[in-house]
Amino acid sequence: MAFSLTLIIVGALGVVGGIWLAMDKRAASVVGGVIIALLSLVPVLVGVVFLTWDTAG
């Protein structure tokens, strides 16, 4: 359960960081921020799957 929550928290921080970076007006920052935000959704989704699997007993 702790691993799942850690994945969700770290992924959420990555999403927030990516959105914060994308708020900059330079094109490279926007593209990089969007890529970081989208890639950070992977640990969030994996954490949700692990949490669901762990608590569904």
N, C-alpha and C. Protein backbone atom coordinates (compact mmCIF):
# COMPACT_ATOMS: atom_id res chain seq x y z
N MET A 1 0.82 -1.19 0.00
CA MET A 1 0.00 0.00 0.00
C MET A 1 0.87 1.26 0.00
N ALA A 2 1.96 1.23 0.75
CA ALA A 2 2.85 2.39 0.80
C ALA A 2 3.49 2.63 -0.55
N PHE A 3 3.83 1.56 -1.25
CA PHE A 3 4.42 1.69 -2.58
C PHE A 3 3.43 2.33 -3.55
N SER A 4 2.19 1.93 -3.49
CA SER A 4 1.15 2.51 -4.35
C SER A 4 0.98 3.99 -4.10
N LEU A 5 0.90 4.36 -2.82
CA LEU A 5 0.73 5.77 -2.48
C LEU A 5 1.95 6.59 -2.87
N THR A 6 3.14 5.99 -2.74
CA THR A 6 4.35 6.69 -3.15
C THR A 6 4.34 6.95 -4.66
N LEU A 7 3.94 5.95 -5.43
CA LEU A 7 3.85 6.14 -6.88
C LEU A 7 2.85 7.24 -7.23
N ILE A 8 1.72 7.24 -6.57
CA ILE A 8 0.70 8.25 -6.86
C ILE A 8 1.21 9.65 -6.51
N ILE A 9 1.85 9.79 -5.36
CA ILE A 9 2.34 11.10 -4.92
C ILE A 9 3.45 11.59 -5.84
N VAL A 10 4.41 10.74 -6.15
CA VAL A 10 5.51 11.15 -7.02
C VAL A 10 5.00 11.49 -8.42
N GLY A 11 4.08 10.69 -8.93
CA GLY A 11 3.50 10.99 -10.22
C GLY A 11 2.73 12.30 -10.23
N ALA A 12 1.99 12.55 -9.16
CA ALA A 12 1.23 13.80 -9.07
C ALA A 12 2.16 15.01 -9.01
N LEU A 13 3.26 14.87 -8.29
CA LEU A 13 4.25 15.95 -8.26
C LEU A 13 4.85 16.19 -9.64
N GLY A 14 5.07 15.12 -10.38
CA GLY A 14 5.58 15.27 -11.75
C GLY A 14 4.58 15.95 -12.66
N VAL A 15 3.31 15.61 -12.51
CA VAL A 15 2.28 16.26 -13.31
C VAL A 15 2.21 17.75 -12.99
N VAL A 16 2.23 18.08 -11.71
CA VAL A 16 2.20 19.49 -11.32
C VAL A 16 3.44 20.22 -11.84
N GLY A 17 4.60 19.59 -11.74
CA GLY A 17 5.82 20.20 -12.25
C GLY A 17 5.78 20.39 -13.76
N GLY A 18 5.24 19.42 -14.46
CA GLY A 18 5.11 19.55 -15.91
C GLY A 18 4.16 20.66 -16.31
N ILE A 19 3.07 20.77 -15.59
CA ILE A 19 2.12 21.86 -15.87
C ILE A 19 2.75 23.21 -15.55
N TRP A 20 3.48 23.27 -14.45
CA TRP A 20 4.15 24.52 -14.08
C TRP A 20 5.18 24.92 -15.14
N LEU A 21 5.91 23.94 -15.66
CA LEU A 21 6.88 24.22 -16.71
C LEU A 21 6.19 24.64 -18.00
N ALA A 22 5.06 24.03 -18.31
CA ALA A 22 4.33 24.36 -19.53
C ALA A 22 3.71 25.74 -19.49
N MET A 23 3.57 26.31 -18.31
CA MET A 23 2.99 27.64 -18.20
C MET A 23 3.95 28.73 -18.69
N ASP A 24 5.22 28.37 -18.84
CA ASP A 24 6.18 29.31 -19.41
C ASP A 24 5.83 29.51 -20.89
N LYS A 25 6.15 30.65 -21.43
CA LYS A 25 5.69 30.98 -22.78
C LYS A 25 6.63 30.50 -23.89
N ARG A 26 7.80 30.00 -23.52
CA ARG A 26 8.72 29.52 -24.56
C ARG A 26 8.26 28.17 -25.08
N ALA A 27 8.44 27.95 -26.37
CA ALA A 27 7.94 26.74 -27.01
C ALA A 27 8.57 25.48 -26.43
N ALA A 28 9.87 25.52 -26.18
CA ALA A 28 10.54 24.34 -25.64
C ALA A 28 10.02 24.00 -24.24
N SER A 29 9.74 25.01 -23.44
CA SER A 29 9.21 24.77 -22.10
C SER A 29 7.81 24.18 -22.16
N VAL A 30 7.01 24.68 -23.09
CA VAL A 30 5.64 24.16 -23.22
C VAL A 30 5.68 22.69 -23.64
N VAL A 31 6.48 22.39 -24.66
CA VAL A 31 6.57 21.00 -25.15
C VAL A 31 7.14 20.10 -24.06
N GLY A 32 8.21 20.53 -23.41
CA GLY A 32 8.80 19.73 -22.34
C GLY A 32 7.86 19.53 -21.17
N GLY A 33 7.14 20.58 -20.81
CA GLY A 33 6.18 20.47 -19.71
C GLY A 33 5.06 19.50 -20.01
N VAL A 34 4.55 19.55 -21.24
CA VAL A 34 3.48 18.63 -21.62
C VAL A 34 3.99 17.19 -21.63
N ILE A 35 5.19 16.99 -22.14
CA ILE A 35 5.76 15.63 -22.15
C ILE A 35 5.98 15.12 -20.74
N ILE A 36 6.51 15.97 -19.86
CA ILE A 36 6.73 15.57 -18.46
C ILE A 36 5.41 15.25 -17.78
N ALA A 37 4.41 16.09 -18.01
CA ALA A 37 3.10 15.86 -17.38
C ALA A 37 2.48 14.55 -17.86
N LEU A 38 2.58 14.28 -19.16
CA LEU A 38 1.99 13.04 -19.69
C LEU A 38 2.76 11.81 -19.20
N LEU A 39 4.08 11.89 -19.18
CA LEU A 39 4.87 10.76 -18.69
C LEU A 39 4.67 10.53 -17.19
N SER A 40 4.37 11.58 -16.47
CA SER A 40 4.15 11.44 -15.02
C SER A 40 2.80 10.81 -14.71
N LEU A 41 1.94 10.72 -15.69
CA LEU A 41 0.67 10.03 -15.47
C LEU A 41 0.86 8.52 -15.34
N VAL A 42 1.96 8.00 -15.90
CA VAL A 42 2.21 6.55 -15.85
C VAL A 42 2.34 6.05 -14.41
N PRO A 43 3.20 6.66 -13.56
CA PRO A 43 3.26 6.16 -12.18
C PRO A 43 1.95 6.36 -11.41
N VAL A 44 1.21 7.41 -11.74
CA VAL A 44 -0.08 7.61 -11.08
C VAL A 44 -1.01 6.45 -11.41
N LEU A 45 -1.09 6.10 -12.69
CA LEU A 45 -1.98 5.00 -13.11
C LEU A 45 -1.51 3.66 -12.55
N VAL A 46 -0.21 3.42 -12.55
CA VAL A 46 0.32 2.17 -11.98
C VAL A 46 0.04 2.12 -10.49
N GLY A 47 0.20 3.25 -9.80
CA GLY A 47 -0.10 3.29 -8.37
C GLY A 47 -1.56 3.03 -8.08
N VAL A 48 -2.45 3.56 -8.92
CA VAL A 48 -3.89 3.31 -8.74
C VAL A 48 -4.20 1.84 -8.96
N VAL A 49 -3.59 1.24 -9.97
CA VAL A 49 -3.81 -0.19 -10.22
C VAL A 49 -3.31 -1.02 -9.05
N PHE A 50 -2.11 -0.74 -8.55
CA PHE A 50 -1.58 -1.48 -7.41
C PHE A 50 -2.45 -1.27 -6.17
N LEU A 51 -2.90 -0.05 -5.95
CA LEU A 51 -3.75 0.23 -4.78
C LEU A 51 -5.06 -0.51 -4.88
N THR A 52 -5.66 -0.55 -6.06
CA THR A 52 -6.90 -1.28 -6.27
C THR A 52 -6.69 -2.77 -6.05
N TRP A 53 -5.60 -3.29 -6.59
CA TRP A 53 -5.31 -4.71 -6.45
C TRP A 53 -5.02 -5.06 -4.99
N ASP A 54 -4.34 -4.15 -4.27
CA ASP A 54 -3.97 -4.41 -2.88
C ASP A 54 -5.16 -4.37 -1.94
N THR A 55 -6.10 -3.50 -2.22
CA THR A 55 -7.23 -3.34 -1.30
C THR A 55 -8.45 -4.16 -1.72
N ALA A 56 -8.37 -4.87 -2.83
CA ALA A 56 -9.53 -5.64 -3.31
C ALA A 56 -9.57 -7.05 -2.71
N GLY A 57 -8.98 -7.22 -1.58
CA GLY A 57 -8.94 -8.56 -1.01
C GLY A 57 -9.99 -8.73 0.00
